């Protein structure tokens, strides 16, 4: 794409101008109509130089918005209403300390470091069943997906797998194909667990 002295001109594309009855090429991009509830430009429109000037002269960003939506868009905190995960006090560790709980920031840093060390230790040292067999994090997630307890036995695993296949497979549930992704997850979880040491 080449740009010239007219800021925003895009040459080399044979687009017609979107202005009604204009025979010229559309070399300047303009925002399209925004679908309701969509925060973005919508589909772009393309105009020739004369019509992009006319479009810009009459453009109203707030067109189609309610008074409430206009007020929110003009708010200085627009877009910051929800807390971002990366900036939460518990980012990275579910039970991380809150800074406000400590008089000395170094104590909070030390407590957070202990939380990270605890999480790494839990990953490196898999959980154990009552029979002493280890369960890896992947196997733990598979058990949760199948809604099985960590101490489930091979019979319970097969029974639960059979129930879920009957529930999600289109050949068994009247042709409903809306659960195929869930069925795939169930099959993968079962394949992982049936080969696991915990179920040998």
Protein backbone atom coordinates (compact mmCIF):
# COMPACT_ATOMS: atom_id res chain seq x y z
CA UNK A 1 0.00 0.00 0.00
CA UNK A 2 1.29 3.43 -0.93
CA UNK A 3 0.44 6.65 0.86
CA UNK A 4 0.83 10.11 -0.68
CA UNK A 5 0.42 13.67 0.50
CA UNK A 6 -3.28 13.07 1.15
CA UNK A 7 -3.16 11.30 4.50
CA UNK A 8 -4.91 7.95 4.37
CA UNK A 9 -5.15 7.57 0.60
CA UNK A 10 -4.68 3.94 -0.44
CA UNK A 11 -3.89 3.41 -4.09
CA UNK A 12 -3.75 0.25 -6.13
CA UNK A 13 -7.19 -1.13 -5.25
CA UNK A 14 -10.03 -0.89 -7.75
CA UNK A 15 -12.78 -0.08 -5.27
CA UNK A 16 -15.69 2.07 -6.39
CA UNK A 17 -16.59 5.10 -4.27
CA UNK A 18 -19.40 4.18 -1.84
CA UNK A 19 -21.09 7.57 -2.29
CA UNK A 20 -24.34 7.07 -4.24
CA UNK A 21 -23.94 7.53 -8.01
CA UNK A 22 -20.22 8.43 -7.81
CA UNK A 23 -18.16 6.98 -10.69
CA UNK A 24 -14.75 7.64 -9.04
CA UNK A 25 -12.47 5.20 -7.24
CA UNK A 26 -12.76 4.86 -3.46
CA UNK A 27 -9.23 5.53 -2.22
CA UNK A 28 -10.01 6.75 1.32
CA UNK A 29 -11.24 4.48 4.08
CA UNK A 30 -14.03 5.60 6.42
CA UNK A 31 -15.68 3.80 9.33
CA UNK A 32 -18.79 1.84 8.54
CA UNK A 33 -22.01 1.45 10.45
CA UNK A 34 -21.47 -0.06 13.91
CA UNK A 35 -23.64 -3.04 14.74
CA UNK A 36 -25.59 -2.60 17.97
CA UNK A 37 -23.41 -3.33 21.01
CA UNK A 38 -20.24 -3.56 18.91
CA UNK A 39 -17.36 -1.29 19.98
CA UNK A 40 -15.45 -0.84 16.75
CA UNK A 41 -15.56 0.67 13.28
CA UNK A 42 -17.81 -1.94 11.70
CA UNK A 43 -17.29 -2.63 8.00
CA UNK A 44 -15.22 0.08 6.30
CA UNK A 45 -16.56 2.26 3.52
CA UNK A 46 -14.41 3.71 0.75
CA UNK A 47 -14.79 7.18 -0.77
CA UNK A 48 -13.09 9.38 -3.35
CA UNK A 49 -11.33 12.57 -2.16
CA UNK A 50 -14.36 14.85 -2.54
CA UNK A 51 -16.71 12.48 -0.81
CA UNK A 52 -14.36 11.59 2.06
CA UNK A 53 -14.21 15.32 2.77
CA UNK A 54 -18.02 15.50 2.74
CA UNK A 55 -18.23 12.39 4.92
CA UNK A 56 -15.74 13.76 7.46
CA UNK A 57 -17.54 17.10 7.65
CA UNK A 58 -20.77 15.39 8.71
CA UNK A 59 -19.39 12.42 10.68
CA UNK A 60 -20.93 11.86 14.12
CA UNK A 61 -19.15 9.23 16.21
CA UNK A 62 -22.11 9.04 18.61
CA UNK A 63 -24.75 8.46 15.91
CA UNK A 64 -27.11 5.68 16.91
CA UNK A 65 -25.98 5.63 20.57
CA UNK A 66 -28.34 6.12 23.49
CA UNK A 67 -27.69 8.90 26.02
CA UNK A 68 -26.33 6.27 28.44
CA UNK A 69 -23.92 4.85 25.83
CA UNK A 70 -22.70 8.37 24.95
CA UNK A 71 -22.12 9.16 28.62
CA UNK A 72 -20.13 5.92 29.07
CA UNK A 73 -18.04 6.55 25.93
CA UNK A 74 -17.13 10.05 27.18
CA UNK A 75 -16.23 8.85 30.67
CA UNK A 76 -12.52 9.21 31.50
CA UNK A 77 -12.51 5.63 32.80
CA UNK A 78 -14.21 4.18 29.71
CA UNK A 79 -12.75 0.71 29.09
CA UNK A 80 -11.34 0.40 32.62
CA UNK A 81 -14.59 -0.59 34.31
CA UNK A 82 -13.57 -4.24 34.69
CA UNK A 83 -10.44 -5.35 36.47
CA UNK A 84 -7.81 -6.88 34.21
CA UNK A 85 -6.52 -10.27 35.32
CA UNK A 86 -2.87 -9.22 35.09
CA UNK A 87 -3.42 -6.37 37.56
CA UNK A 88 -5.38 -8.26 40.17
CA UNK A 89 -3.74 -8.76 43.55
CA UNK A 90 -4.07 -12.51 42.98
CA UNK A 91 -2.50 -12.56 39.49
CA UNK A 92 -0.52 -15.76 39.03
CA UNK A 93 -1.42 -17.37 42.34
CA UNK A 94 -4.98 -17.88 43.54
CA UNK A 95 -4.19 -17.26 47.19
CA UNK A 96 -1.65 -14.45 46.69
CA UNK A 97 -1.48 -11.86 49.49
CA UNK A 98 -3.09 -8.46 49.13
CA UNK A 99 -0.66 -5.53 49.39
CA UNK A 100 -2.98 -3.76 51.83
CA UNK A 101 -2.59 -6.62 54.32
CA UNK A 102 1.06 -5.70 54.97
CA UNK A 103 2.69 -2.66 56.55
CA UNK A 104 6.03 -3.46 54.90
CA UNK A 105 6.00 -4.03 51.10
CA UNK A 106 8.92 -6.48 51.45
CA UNK A 107 6.75 -8.74 53.59
CA UNK A 108 4.11 -8.79 50.85
CA UNK A 109 6.75 -9.62 48.23
CA UNK A 110 8.10 -12.45 50.40
CA UNK A 111 4.59 -13.83 50.94
CA UNK A 112 3.89 -13.72 47.21
CA UNK A 113 7.19 -15.51 46.51
CA UNK A 114 6.20 -18.23 48.99
CA UNK A 115 2.89 -18.57 47.10
CA UNK A 116 4.69 -19.03 43.78
CA UNK A 117 7.05 -21.58 45.35
CA UNK A 118 4.05 -23.48 46.73
CA UNK A 119 2.40 -23.52 43.29
CA UNK A 120 5.61 -24.79 41.63
CA UNK A 121 5.96 -27.48 44.30
CA UNK A 122 2.36 -28.63 43.66
CA UNK A 123 3.10 -28.92 39.93
CA UNK A 124 6.37 -30.80 40.45
CA UNK A 125 4.84 -33.13 43.04
CA UNK A 126 1.60 -34.62 41.73
CA UNK A 127 -1.29 -35.39 44.03
CA UNK A 128 -1.62 -38.87 45.47
CA UNK A 129 -4.59 -41.16 45.71
CA UNK A 130 -5.52 -42.97 48.89
CA UNK A 131 -3.77 -46.07 47.49
CA UNK A 132 -0.53 -44.06 47.15
CA UNK A 133 -0.52 -43.92 43.34
CA UNK A 134 0.44 -40.50 41.95
CA UNK A 135 -1.91 -38.40 39.79
CA UNK A 136 -0.34 -35.88 37.40
CA UNK A 137 -1.89 -32.41 36.83
CA UNK A 138 -3.11 -33.55 33.37
CA UNK A 139 -4.74 -36.63 34.90
CA UNK A 140 -6.29 -34.44 37.60
CA UNK A 141 -7.82 -32.18 34.93
CA UNK A 142 -9.12 -35.24 33.06
CA UNK A 143 -10.76 -36.52 36.25
CA UNK A 144 -12.40 -33.13 36.79
CA UNK A 145 -13.67 -33.12 33.20
CA UNK A 146 -15.24 -36.54 33.75
CA UNK A 147 -16.49 -35.37 37.16
CA UNK A 148 -14.70 -38.21 38.95
CA UNK A 149 -13.09 -38.24 42.37
CA UNK A 150 -9.30 -38.61 42.55
CA UNK A 151 -9.77 -42.05 44.15
CA UNK A 152 -12.11 -43.37 41.44
CA UNK A 153 -11.40 -46.92 40.28
CA UNK A 154 -11.28 -48.43 36.78
CA UNK A 155 -14.92 -49.59 36.94
CA UNK A 156 -16.13 -46.07 37.84
CA UNK A 157 -14.01 -44.63 35.04
CA UNK A 158 -15.55 -46.95 32.42
CA UNK A 159 -19.07 -46.38 33.75
CA UNK A 160 -18.69 -42.60 33.73
CA UNK A 161 -17.19 -42.66 30.23
CA UNK A 162 -20.09 -44.77 28.95
CA UNK A 163 -22.66 -42.39 30.50
CA UNK A 164 -21.02 -39.33 28.92
CA UNK A 165 -20.70 -40.96 25.50
CA UNK A 166 -24.43 -41.77 25.61
CA UNK A 167 -25.14 -38.17 26.56
CA UNK A 168 -22.94 -36.45 23.95
CA UNK A 169 -22.64 -38.81 20.94
CA UNK A 170 -25.06 -37.90 18.09
CA UNK A 171 -25.77 -41.60 17.41
CA UNK A 172 -26.93 -42.02 21.01
CA UNK A 173 -28.66 -38.69 21.77
CA UNK A 174 -31.11 -38.42 18.89
CA UNK A 175 -28.76 -36.78 16.38
CA UNK A 176 -27.88 -33.69 18.45
CA UNK A 177 -24.43 -32.64 17.15
CA UNK A 178 -24.08 -29.57 19.38
CA UNK A 179 -21.98 -31.50 21.94
CA UNK A 180 -19.29 -32.86 19.59
CA UNK A 181 -16.52 -30.68 21.09
CA UNK A 182 -17.42 -31.88 24.59
CA UNK A 183 -17.51 -35.47 23.34
CA UNK A 184 -13.99 -35.07 21.94
CA UNK A 185 -12.77 -33.79 25.33
CA UNK A 186 -14.40 -36.73 27.09
CA UNK A 187 -12.76 -39.24 24.72
CA UNK A 188 -9.32 -37.63 25.15
CA UNK A 189 -9.70 -37.57 28.95
CA UNK A 190 -10.71 -41.23 29.00
CA UNK A 191 -7.82 -42.27 26.73
CA UNK A 192 -5.38 -40.47 29.02
CA UNK A 193 -6.78 -41.97 32.22
CA UNK A 194 -7.19 -45.57 31.05
CA UNK A 195 -3.42 -45.68 30.39
CA UNK A 196 -2.52 -43.88 33.62
CA UNK A 197 -0.65 -45.67 36.39
CA UNK A 198 -3.46 -44.78 38.80
CA UNK A 199 -5.87 -46.99 36.84
CA UNK A 200 -3.55 -49.87 35.95
